[in-house]
């Protein structure tokens, strides 16, 4: 189970694991966060992720795609090494780290 919580209006924290069966709900939650921050800079801290998979990468890419039409600049911070390595092997680390 994944949770998204806010410390401030521009910093959100992801905690837990994104499971396949809950990916759509996670995307809806992220979209809601993005909608509330339209036109702003938004940071998502990934330090609380407990495990990573291709679903996690897909979720992060979805976030970037969903933020663009909202003029929301989305940045991911504190990416766990396993997730960074997975992104690097996939050739998308430069997309996720800005």
C-alpha atoms as a PDB file:
ATOM      1  CA  UNK A   1       0.000   0.000   0.000  1.00  0.00           C
ATOM      2  CA  UNK A   2       1.290   3.439  -0.884  1.00  0.00           C
ATOM      3  CA  UNK A   3       0.482   6.687   0.871  1.00  0.00           C
ATOM      4  CA  UNK A   4       1.056  10.217  -0.329  1.00  0.00           C
ATOM      5  CA  UNK A   5       1.226  12.840   2.389  1.00  0.00           C
ATOM      6  CA  UNK A   6       2.075  16.524   2.388  1.00  0.00           C
ATOM      7  CA  UNK A   7       4.375  18.330   4.801  1.00  0.00           C
ATOM      8  CA  UNK A   8       3.807  21.584   3.005  1.00  0.00           C
ATOM      9  CA  UNK A   9       1.937  22.562  -0.115  1.00  0.00           C
ATOM     10  CA  UNK A  10       4.982  21.947  -2.306  1.00  0.00           C
ATOM     11  CA  UNK A  11       6.462  18.762  -0.769  1.00  0.00           C
ATOM     12  CA  UNK A  12       4.734  15.401  -0.858  1.00  0.00           C
ATOM     13  CA  UNK A  13       6.055  12.127   0.593  1.00  0.00           C
ATOM     14  CA  UNK A  14       5.545   8.702  -0.936  1.00  0.00           C
ATOM     15  CA  UNK A  15       5.638   5.847   1.565  1.00  0.00           C
ATOM     16  CA  UNK A  16       5.131   2.118   1.110  1.00  0.00           C
ATOM     17  CA  UNK A  17       5.002  -0.009  -2.012  1.00  0.00           C
ATOM     18  CA  UNK A  18       2.983   0.404  -5.187  1.00  0.00           C
ATOM     19  CA  UNK A  19       1.337  -2.943  -5.873  1.00  0.00           C
ATOM     20  CA  UNK A  20      -0.036  -3.829  -9.291  1.00  0.00           C
ATOM     21  CA  UNK A  21      -3.636  -4.064  -8.103  1.00  0.00           C
ATOM     22  CA  UNK A  22      -3.581  -0.575  -6.563  1.00  0.00           C
ATOM     23  CA  UNK A  23      -1.647   1.280  -9.283  1.00  0.00           C
ATOM     24  CA  UNK A  24      -4.759   2.965 -10.721  1.00  0.00           C
ATOM     25  CA  UNK A  25      -5.793   4.261  -7.295  1.00  0.00           C
ATOM     26  CA  UNK A  26      -2.248   5.551  -6.721  1.00  0.00           C
ATOM     27  CA  UNK A  27      -2.360   7.390 -10.036  1.00  0.00           C
ATOM     28  CA  UNK A  28      -5.692   8.994  -9.118  1.00  0.00           C
ATOM     29  CA  UNK A  29      -4.262  10.132  -5.777  1.00  0.00           C
ATOM     30  CA  UNK A  30      -1.186  11.604  -7.471  1.00  0.00           C
ATOM     31  CA  UNK A  31      -3.357  13.347 -10.070  1.00  0.00           C
ATOM     32  CA  UNK A  32      -5.389  14.913  -7.265  1.00  0.00           C
ATOM     33  CA  UNK A  33      -2.179  16.217  -5.652  1.00  0.00           C
ATOM     34  CA  UNK A  34      -1.018  17.618  -8.987  1.00  0.00           C
ATOM     35  CA  UNK A  35      -4.373  19.276  -9.629  1.00  0.00           C
ATOM     36  CA  UNK A  36      -4.143  21.056  -6.285  1.00  0.00           C
ATOM     37  CA  UNK A  37      -0.662  22.353  -7.159  1.00  0.00           C
ATOM     38  CA  UNK A  38      -1.290  23.416 -10.778  1.00  0.00           C
ATOM     39  CA  UNK A  39       1.176  26.051 -11.965  1.00  0.00           C
ATOM     40  CA  UNK A  40       3.560  25.480  -9.060  1.00  0.00           C
ATOM     41  CA  UNK A  41       6.769  23.630  -8.319  1.00  0.00           C
ATOM     42  CA  UNK A  42       6.110  20.323  -6.596  1.00  0.00           C
ATOM     43  CA  UNK A  43       8.643  17.961  -5.015  1.00  0.00           C
ATOM     44  CA  UNK A  44       7.880  14.341  -4.259  1.00  0.00           C
ATOM     45  CA  UNK A  45      10.198  12.696  -1.745  1.00  0.00           C
ATOM     46  CA  UNK A  46      10.714   9.012  -2.534  1.00  0.00           C
ATOM     47  CA  UNK A  47      12.799   8.086   0.525  1.00  0.00           C
ATOM     48  CA  UNK A  48       9.837   6.273   2.091  1.00  0.00           C
ATOM     49  CA  UNK A  49       9.430   3.738  -0.709  1.00  0.00           C
ATOM     50  CA  UNK A  50       9.829   0.267   0.769  1.00  0.00           C
ATOM     51  CA  UNK A  51      10.316  -1.643  -2.485  1.00  0.00           C
ATOM     52  CA  UNK A  52      10.425  -0.767  -6.160  1.00  0.00           C
ATOM     53  CA  UNK A  53       9.410  -2.373  -9.428  1.00  0.00           C
ATOM     54  CA  UNK A  54       8.599  -1.469 -13.004  1.00  0.00           C
ATOM     55  CA  UNK A  55       5.200  -0.370 -11.678  1.00  0.00           C
ATOM     56  CA  UNK A  56       6.988   2.261  -9.575  1.00  0.00           C
ATOM     57  CA  UNK A  57       8.843   3.563 -12.638  1.00  0.00           C
ATOM     58  CA  UNK A  58       5.607   3.662 -14.607  1.00  0.00           C
ATOM     59  CA  UNK A  59       3.924   5.587 -11.771  1.00  0.00           C
ATOM     60  CA  UNK A  60       6.730   8.185 -11.701  1.00  0.00           C
ATOM     61  CA  UNK A  61       6.602   8.641 -15.461  1.00  0.00           C
ATOM     62  CA  UNK A  62       2.825   9.034 -15.244  1.00  0.00           C
ATOM     63  CA  UNK A  63       3.343  11.812 -12.708  1.00  0.00           C
ATOM     64  CA  UNK A  64       5.622  13.734 -15.067  1.00  0.00           C
ATOM     65  CA  UNK A  65       3.164  13.292 -17.932  1.00  0.00           C
ATOM     66  CA  UNK A  66       0.175  14.392 -15.817  1.00  0.00           C
ATOM     67  CA  UNK A  67       2.015  17.449 -14.438  1.00  0.00           C
ATOM     68  CA  UNK A  68       2.921  18.893 -17.826  1.00  0.00           C
ATOM     69  CA  UNK A  69      -0.541  20.091 -18.985  1.00  0.00           C
ATOM     70  CA  UNK A  70      -1.089  21.596 -15.522  1.00  0.00           C
ATOM     71  CA  UNK A  71       2.091  23.703 -15.841  1.00  0.00           C
ATOM     72  CA  UNK A  72       3.272  22.015 -12.668  1.00  0.00           C
ATOM     73  CA  UNK A  73       7.027  21.418 -12.430  1.00  0.00           C
ATOM     74  CA  UNK A  74       7.354  18.018 -10.761  1.00  0.00           C
ATOM     75  CA  UNK A  75      10.659  16.860  -9.241  1.00  0.00           C
ATOM     76  CA  UNK A  76      11.459  13.578  -7.535  1.00  0.00           C
ATOM     77  CA  UNK A  77      13.841  13.724  -4.572  1.00  0.00           C
ATOM     78  CA  UNK A  78      15.677  11.108  -2.502  1.00  0.00           C
ATOM     79  CA  UNK A  79      15.241   8.308  -5.017  1.00  0.00           C
ATOM     80  CA  UNK A  80      16.219   4.960  -3.459  1.00  0.00           C
ATOM     81  CA  UNK A  81      19.344   3.451  -5.068  1.00  0.00           C
ATOM     82  CA  UNK A  82      17.453   0.384  -6.323  1.00  0.00           C
ATOM     83  CA  UNK A  83      14.952   2.608  -8.131  1.00  0.00           C
ATOM     84  CA  UNK A  84      17.690   4.794  -9.595  1.00  0.00           C
ATOM     85  CA  UNK A  85      19.522   1.697 -10.860  1.00  0.00           C
ATOM     86  CA  UNK A  86      16.335   0.366 -12.430  1.00  0.00           C
ATOM     87  CA  UNK A  87      15.792   3.730 -14.146  1.00  0.00           C
ATOM     88  CA  UNK A  88      19.426   3.794 -15.297  1.00  0.00           C
ATOM     89  CA  UNK A  89      19.200   0.306 -16.809  1.00  0.00           C
ATOM     90  CA  UNK A  90      16.015   1.430 -18.564  1.00  0.00           C
ATOM     91  CA  UNK A  91      17.728   4.593 -19.828  1.00  0.00           C
ATOM     92  CA  UNK A  92      15.258   6.963 -18.159  1.00  0.00           C
ATOM     93  CA  UNK A  93      17.217   8.240 -15.170  1.00  0.00           C
ATOM     94  CA  UNK A  94      17.741  11.641 -16.810  1.00  0.00           C
ATOM     95  CA  UNK A  95      13.976  11.994 -17.263  1.00  0.00           C
ATOM     96  CA  UNK A  96      13.273  11.256 -13.596  1.00  0.00           C
ATOM     97  CA  UNK A  97      16.129  13.289 -12.119  1.00  0.00           C
ATOM     98  CA  UNK A  98      15.852  16.948 -13.042  1.00  0.00           C
END
